Structure formats: C-alpha cells, structure tokens
Amino acid sequence: MDINKFKSVAVRKPDYDVLQGLCNQKFRSPASMISKLVNEYVEYQAMKNKFTIPEYKKLILKLDNKSIGKKNLNVRTMENRTSTTKLKVRRKGKRKQKTNRRK
C-alpha cells in the first residue's frame, strides 16, 4: 500500500458501527464515506467563513502561525481548547478556620 496515498485512522467502535451502517445503506466503502463527510464539512466551513473551497483548503493546510491565529475561523488548536476549558471552582459557605487553642 502506498503510504503517501492512504493513511490509517482509529475510530471508536460505536462510531465504526454507525459508519458501517451508513456505508451499507448508501453502498459505499468506509474510506469513501469518510472522504465524502470530510469534503462536505470543508464545503460547509468554507461557505460559513466566506471562502471558496480551494482557498479554505489552502488555509487549513497551512501550518504557519498566521493562519492558526485567525479568530474568524473555527480552527481548534490546543491553545484555544485549554483557554476555553478552564473552570472556576467556588466553594459554598465559609470554611472554618483552625485555631490552635489549648484547654
């Protein structure tokens, strides 16, 4: 198999079962179904962000900091994920302070 043409992807078992069901219903192989889903999603994102499909593909394939840092795209990087998933934990009620009293 040509490693430049094909890549392996790990898929969770429940998702694989759904993919297999979709493939059986539409008479497609899993590889062609994944390709179809990726192409439809790229088309959707390009229209949403007001790009042509080739422009959007070029943009998402660039790995320089200029294209990753744009705020108008829904590009999810590790920096974006960590900054949005921080939670603030608040305690209910006041904590009793320890005292060092000896009786």
N, C-alpha and C. Protein backbone atom coordinates (compact mmCIF):
# COMPACT_ATOMS: atom_id res chain seq x y z
N MET A 1 0.84 -1.17 0.00
CA MET A 1 0.00 0.00 0.00
C MET A 1 0.88 1.24 0.00
N ASP A 2 0.53 2.23 -0.78
CA ASP A 2 1.28 3.47 -0.89
C ASP A 2 0.99 4.35 0.32
N ILE A 3 2.01 4.61 1.15
CA ILE A 3 1.79 5.40 2.37
C ILE A 3 1.58 6.88 2.08
N ASN A 4 1.89 7.32 0.88
CA ASN A 4 1.63 8.71 0.51
C ASN A 4 0.19 8.92 0.06
N LYS A 5 -0.49 7.84 -0.29
CA LYS A 5 -1.85 7.94 -0.80
C LYS A 5 -2.90 7.57 0.25
N PHE A 6 -2.56 6.66 1.18
CA PHE A 6 -3.51 6.18 2.18
C PHE A 6 -2.93 6.33 3.58
N LYS A 7 -3.79 6.63 4.54
CA LYS A 7 -3.41 6.74 5.95
C LYS A 7 -4.41 5.97 6.79
N SER A 8 -3.96 5.42 7.91
CA SER A 8 -4.84 4.72 8.83
C SER A 8 -5.42 5.70 9.84
N VAL A 9 -6.64 5.43 10.25
CA VAL A 9 -7.32 6.28 11.22
C VAL A 9 -7.99 5.37 12.25
N ALA A 10 -7.84 5.69 13.53
CA ALA A 10 -8.52 4.94 14.58
C ALA A 10 -9.90 5.55 14.82
N VAL A 11 -10.91 4.70 14.86
CA VAL A 11 -12.29 5.14 15.07
C VAL A 11 -12.86 4.32 16.22
N ARG A 12 -13.58 4.98 17.11
CA ARG A 12 -14.22 4.25 18.22
C ARG A 12 -15.22 3.24 17.67
N LYS A 13 -15.37 2.14 18.38
CA LYS A 13 -16.22 1.04 17.92
C LYS A 13 -17.66 1.48 17.67
N PRO A 14 -18.31 2.23 18.57
CA PRO A 14 -19.69 2.67 18.27
C PRO A 14 -19.78 3.53 17.01
N ASP A 15 -18.78 4.40 16.82
CA ASP A 15 -18.77 5.23 15.61
C ASP A 15 -18.53 4.39 14.37
N TYR A 16 -17.68 3.37 14.50
CA TYR A 16 -17.43 2.49 13.37
C TYR A 16 -18.70 1.73 12.99
N ASP A 17 -19.46 1.30 14.00
CA ASP A 17 -20.71 0.58 13.71
C ASP A 17 -21.70 1.48 12.96
N VAL A 18 -21.80 2.74 13.38
CA VAL A 18 -22.67 3.69 12.68
C VAL A 18 -22.16 3.93 11.27
N LEU A 19 -20.86 4.09 11.12
CA LEU A 19 -20.25 4.28 9.80
C LEU A 19 -20.55 3.09 8.90
N GLN A 20 -20.42 1.90 9.45
CA GLN A 20 -20.69 0.69 8.68
C GLN A 20 -22.16 0.64 8.25
N GLY A 21 -23.07 1.05 9.13
CA GLY A 21 -24.48 1.10 8.78
C GLY A 21 -24.76 2.10 7.66
N LEU A 22 -24.14 3.29 7.75
CA LEU A 22 -24.30 4.29 6.69
C LEU A 22 -23.75 3.78 5.37
N CYS A 23 -22.61 3.11 5.44
CA CYS A 23 -21.99 2.58 4.22
C CYS A 23 -22.87 1.51 3.57
N ASN A 24 -23.44 0.65 4.38
CA ASN A 24 -24.32 -0.39 3.84
C ASN A 24 -25.57 0.22 3.21
N GLN A 25 -26.08 1.28 3.82
CA GLN A 25 -27.29 1.93 3.32
C GLN A 25 -27.02 2.65 2.00
N LYS A 26 -25.85 3.26 1.86
CA LYS A 26 -25.53 4.06 0.67
C LYS A 26 -24.64 3.33 -0.32
N PHE A 27 -24.32 2.07 -0.07
CA PHE A 27 -23.48 1.26 -0.95
C PHE A 27 -22.11 1.90 -1.17
N ARG A 28 -21.47 2.31 -0.08
CA ARG A 28 -20.14 2.91 -0.14
C ARG A 28 -19.20 2.12 0.76
N SER A 29 -17.90 2.28 0.50
CA SER A 29 -16.91 1.71 1.42
C SER A 29 -16.67 2.73 2.54
N PRO A 30 -16.17 2.30 3.70
CA PRO A 30 -15.89 3.26 4.78
C PRO A 30 -14.94 4.38 4.35
N ALA A 31 -13.93 4.05 3.54
CA ALA A 31 -12.98 5.08 3.10
C ALA A 31 -13.67 6.15 2.26
N SER A 32 -14.53 5.74 1.34
CA SER A 32 -15.20 6.74 0.51
C SER A 32 -16.24 7.52 1.31
N MET A 33 -16.84 6.90 2.32
CA MET A 33 -17.81 7.61 3.16
C MET A 33 -17.10 8.67 4.01
N ILE A 34 -15.94 8.34 4.57
CA ILE A 34 -15.17 9.31 5.35
C ILE A 34 -14.73 10.46 4.45
N SER A 35 -14.28 10.14 3.25
CA SER A 35 -13.88 11.17 2.29
C SER A 35 -15.05 12.10 1.96
N LYS A 36 -16.22 11.52 1.77
CA LYS A 36 -17.42 12.31 1.47
C LYS A 36 -17.76 13.24 2.64
N LEU A 37 -17.71 12.72 3.87
CA LEU A 37 -18.02 13.53 5.04
C LEU A 37 -17.02 14.67 5.22
N VAL A 38 -15.74 14.38 4.99
CA VAL A 38 -14.72 15.43 5.12
C VAL A 38 -14.94 16.51 4.07
N ASN A 39 -15.20 16.11 2.84
CA ASN A 39 -15.41 17.10 1.78
C ASN A 39 -16.66 17.95 2.02
N GLU A 40 -17.73 17.33 2.53
CA GLU A 40 -18.93 18.11 2.84
C GLU A 40 -18.68 19.09 3.97
N TYR A 41 -17.90 18.68 4.97
CA TYR A 41 -17.61 19.56 6.09
C TYR A 41 -16.72 20.72 5.65
N VAL A 42 -15.74 20.46 4.80
CA VAL A 42 -14.88 21.53 4.28
C VAL A 42 -15.72 22.52 3.48
N GLU A 43 -16.64 22.02 2.68
CA GLU A 43 -17.52 22.89 1.90
C GLU A 43 -18.37 23.76 2.82
N TYR A 44 -18.92 23.15 3.89
CA TYR A 44 -19.75 23.88 4.85
C TYR A 44 -18.93 24.98 5.54
N GLN A 45 -17.72 24.66 6.01
CA GLN A 45 -16.89 25.64 6.70
C GLN A 45 -16.44 26.75 5.76
N ALA A 46 -16.15 26.41 4.51
CA ALA A 46 -15.75 27.43 3.55
C ALA A 46 -16.88 28.42 3.32
N MET A 47 -18.09 27.92 3.15
CA MET A 47 -19.23 28.82 2.95
C MET A 47 -19.50 29.65 4.20
N LYS A 48 -19.38 29.03 5.36
CA LYS A 48 -19.63 29.73 6.62
C LYS A 48 -18.64 30.86 6.84
N ASN A 49 -17.39 30.63 6.46
CA ASN A 49 -16.34 31.63 6.66
C ASN A 49 -16.10 32.50 5.43
N LYS A 50 -16.97 32.36 4.44
CA LYS A 50 -16.95 33.19 3.23
C LYS A 50 -15.64 33.05 2.44
N PHE A 51 -15.25 31.80 2.21
CA PHE A 51 -14.11 31.47 1.37
C PHE A 51 -14.59 30.56 0.25
N THR A 52 -13.80 30.49 -0.82
CA THR A 52 -14.05 29.44 -1.80
C THR A 52 -13.46 28.15 -1.22
N ILE A 53 -13.88 27.02 -1.76
CA ILE A 53 -13.40 25.75 -1.23
C ILE A 53 -11.88 25.61 -1.40
N PRO A 54 -11.31 25.91 -2.58
CA PRO A 54 -9.84 25.81 -2.69
C PRO A 54 -9.09 26.76 -1.76
N GLU A 55 -9.62 27.98 -1.56
CA GLU A 55 -8.98 28.92 -0.64
C GLU A 55 -9.01 28.38 0.78
N TYR A 56 -10.15 27.83 1.19
CA TYR A 56 -10.27 27.31 2.55
C TYR A 56 -9.36 26.10 2.75
N LYS A 57 -9.26 25.23 1.74
CA LYS A 57 -8.36 24.08 1.85
C LYS A 57 -6.92 24.53 2.01
N LYS A 58 -6.51 25.54 1.23
CA LYS A 58 -5.15 26.07 1.36
C LYS A 58 -4.94 26.65 2.75
N LEU A 59 -5.95 27.34 3.25
CA LEU A 59 -5.84 27.97 4.55
C LEU A 59 -5.69 26.95 5.67
N ILE A 60 -6.47 25.89 5.65
CA ILE A 60 -6.39 24.92 6.74
C ILE A 60 -5.17 24.01 6.62
N LEU A 61 -4.60 23.92 5.44
CA LEU A 61 -3.40 23.11 5.28
C LEU A 61 -2.13 23.85 5.65
N LYS A 62 -2.22 25.17 5.75
CA LYS A 62 -1.06 25.95 6.18
C LYS A 62 -0.83 25.72 7.66
N LEU A 63 0.41 25.58 8.03
CA LEU A 63 0.71 25.36 9.45
C LEU A 63 1.46 26.53 10.08
N ASP A 64 1.47 27.66 9.39
CA ASP A 64 2.14 28.82 9.98
C ASP A 64 1.25 29.49 11.01
N ASN A 65 1.83 30.30 11.84
CA ASN A 65 1.11 30.93 12.94
C ASN A 65 0.06 31.92 12.48
N LYS A 66 0.22 32.50 11.31
CA LYS A 66 -0.74 33.49 10.84
C LYS A 66 -2.10 32.87 10.59
N SER A 67 -2.13 31.70 9.97
CA SER A 67 -3.42 31.10 9.66
C SER A 67 -4.05 30.44 10.89
N ILE A 68 -3.24 29.95 11.83
CA ILE A 68 -3.80 29.30 13.02
C ILE A 68 -4.38 30.34 13.96
N GLY A 69 -3.77 31.52 14.01
CA GLY A 69 -4.20 32.53 14.96
C GLY A 69 -5.42 33.34 14.57
N LYS A 70 -6.00 33.11 13.39
CA LYS A 70 -7.15 33.90 12.97
C LYS A 70 -8.35 33.60 13.84
N LYS A 71 -9.03 34.64 14.26
CA LYS A 71 -10.18 34.49 15.15
C LYS A 71 -11.48 34.24 14.39
N ASN A 72 -11.56 34.57 13.11
CA ASN A 72 -12.81 34.44 12.37
C ASN A 72 -13.07 33.01 11.90
N LEU A 73 -12.10 32.12 12.07
CA LEU A 73 -12.29 30.73 11.67
C LEU A 73 -12.54 29.88 12.90
N ASN A 74 -13.19 28.77 12.71
CA ASN A 74 -13.41 27.84 13.81
C ASN A 74 -12.27 26.83 13.88
N VAL A 75 -11.05 27.33 13.91
CA VAL A 75 -9.88 26.47 13.98
C VAL A 75 -9.63 26.15 15.44
N ARG A 76 -9.61 24.85 15.77
CA ARG A 76 -9.41 24.45 17.15
C ARG A 76 -7.99 23.98 17.33
N THR A 77 -7.22 24.74 18.08
CA THR A 77 -5.86 24.36 18.40
C THR A 77 -5.80 24.03 19.88
N MET A 78 -4.70 23.47 20.33
CA MET A 78 -4.56 23.16 21.75
C MET A 78 -4.63 24.44 22.59
N GLU A 79 -4.10 25.55 22.08
CA GLU A 79 -4.16 26.79 22.83
C GLU A 79 -5.59 27.24 23.01
N ASN A 80 -6.42 27.13 21.96
CA ASN A 80 -7.82 27.53 22.07
C ASN A 80 -8.56 26.62 23.03
N ARG A 81 -8.29 25.32 22.98
CA ARG A 81 -9.01 24.38 23.84
C ARG A 81 -8.68 24.60 25.30
N THR A 82 -7.40 24.78 25.63
CA THR A 82 -7.04 24.93 27.03
C THR A 82 -7.56 26.24 27.60
N SER A 83 -7.62 27.28 26.80
CA SER A 83 -8.09 28.55 27.33
C SER A 83 -9.61 28.56 27.53
N THR A 84 -10.34 27.75 26.78
CA THR A 84 -11.79 27.76 26.91
C THR A 84 -12.31 26.72 27.89
N THR A 85 -11.47 25.78 28.31
CA THR A 85 -11.97 24.73 29.17
C THR A 85 -11.57 24.89 30.63
N LYS A 86 -10.98 26.02 30.99
CA LYS A 86 -10.62 26.23 32.38
C LYS A 86 -11.88 26.53 33.19
N LEU A 87 -12.02 25.85 34.29
CA LEU A 87 -13.20 26.02 35.12
C LEU A 87 -12.81 26.71 36.42
N LYS A 88 -13.71 27.53 36.92
CA LYS A 88 -13.50 28.14 38.21
C LYS A 88 -14.30 27.34 39.23
N VAL A 89 -13.64 26.96 40.29
CA VAL A 89 -14.30 26.19 41.33
C VAL A 89 -14.53 27.10 42.51
N ARG A 90 -15.78 27.21 42.90
CA ARG A 90 -16.14 28.03 44.05
C ARG A 90 -16.68 27.13 45.15
N ARG A 91 -16.29 27.44 46.34
CA ARG A 91 -16.78 26.67 47.48
C ARG A 91 -18.01 27.35 48.05
N LYS A 92 -18.96 26.54 48.43
CA LYS A 92 -20.16 27.09 49.06
C LYS A 92 -19.90 27.25 50.55
N GLY A 93 -20.30 28.37 51.08
CA GLY A 93 -20.16 28.61 52.51
C GLY A 93 -18.73 28.99 52.88
N LYS A 94 -18.58 29.42 54.09
CA LYS A 94 -17.26 29.81 54.57
C LYS A 94 -16.59 28.62 55.23
N ARG A 95 -15.32 28.57 55.10
CA ARG A 95 -14.55 27.49 55.70
C ARG A 95 -14.22 27.89 57.14
N LYS A 96 -14.34 26.97 58.04
CA LYS A 96 -13.99 27.25 59.42
C LYS A 96 -12.48 27.31 59.55
N GLN A 97 -12.01 28.33 60.22
CA GLN A 97 -10.58 28.47 60.40
C GLN A 97 -10.14 27.64 61.59
N LYS A 98 -8.98 27.05 61.44
CA LYS A 98 -8.43 26.26 62.54
C LYS A 98 -7.81 27.20 63.55
N THR A 99 -8.02 26.87 64.76
CA THR A 99 -7.41 27.65 65.83
C THR A 99 -6.51 26.74 66.64
N ASN A 100 -5.48 27.27 67.18
CA ASN A 100 -4.53 26.48 67.99
C ASN A 100 -4.78 26.76 69.47
N ARG A 101 -5.98 26.58 69.92
CA ARG A 101 -6.30 26.81 71.33
C ARG A 101 -6.00 25.54 72.13
N ARG A 102 -5.42 25.75 73.27
CA ARG A 102 -5.21 24.62 74.18
C ARG A 102 -6.04 24.87 75.42
N LYS A 103 -6.68 23.84 75.86
CA LYS A 103 -7.51 23.98 77.06
C LYS A 103 -6.86 23.39 78.26
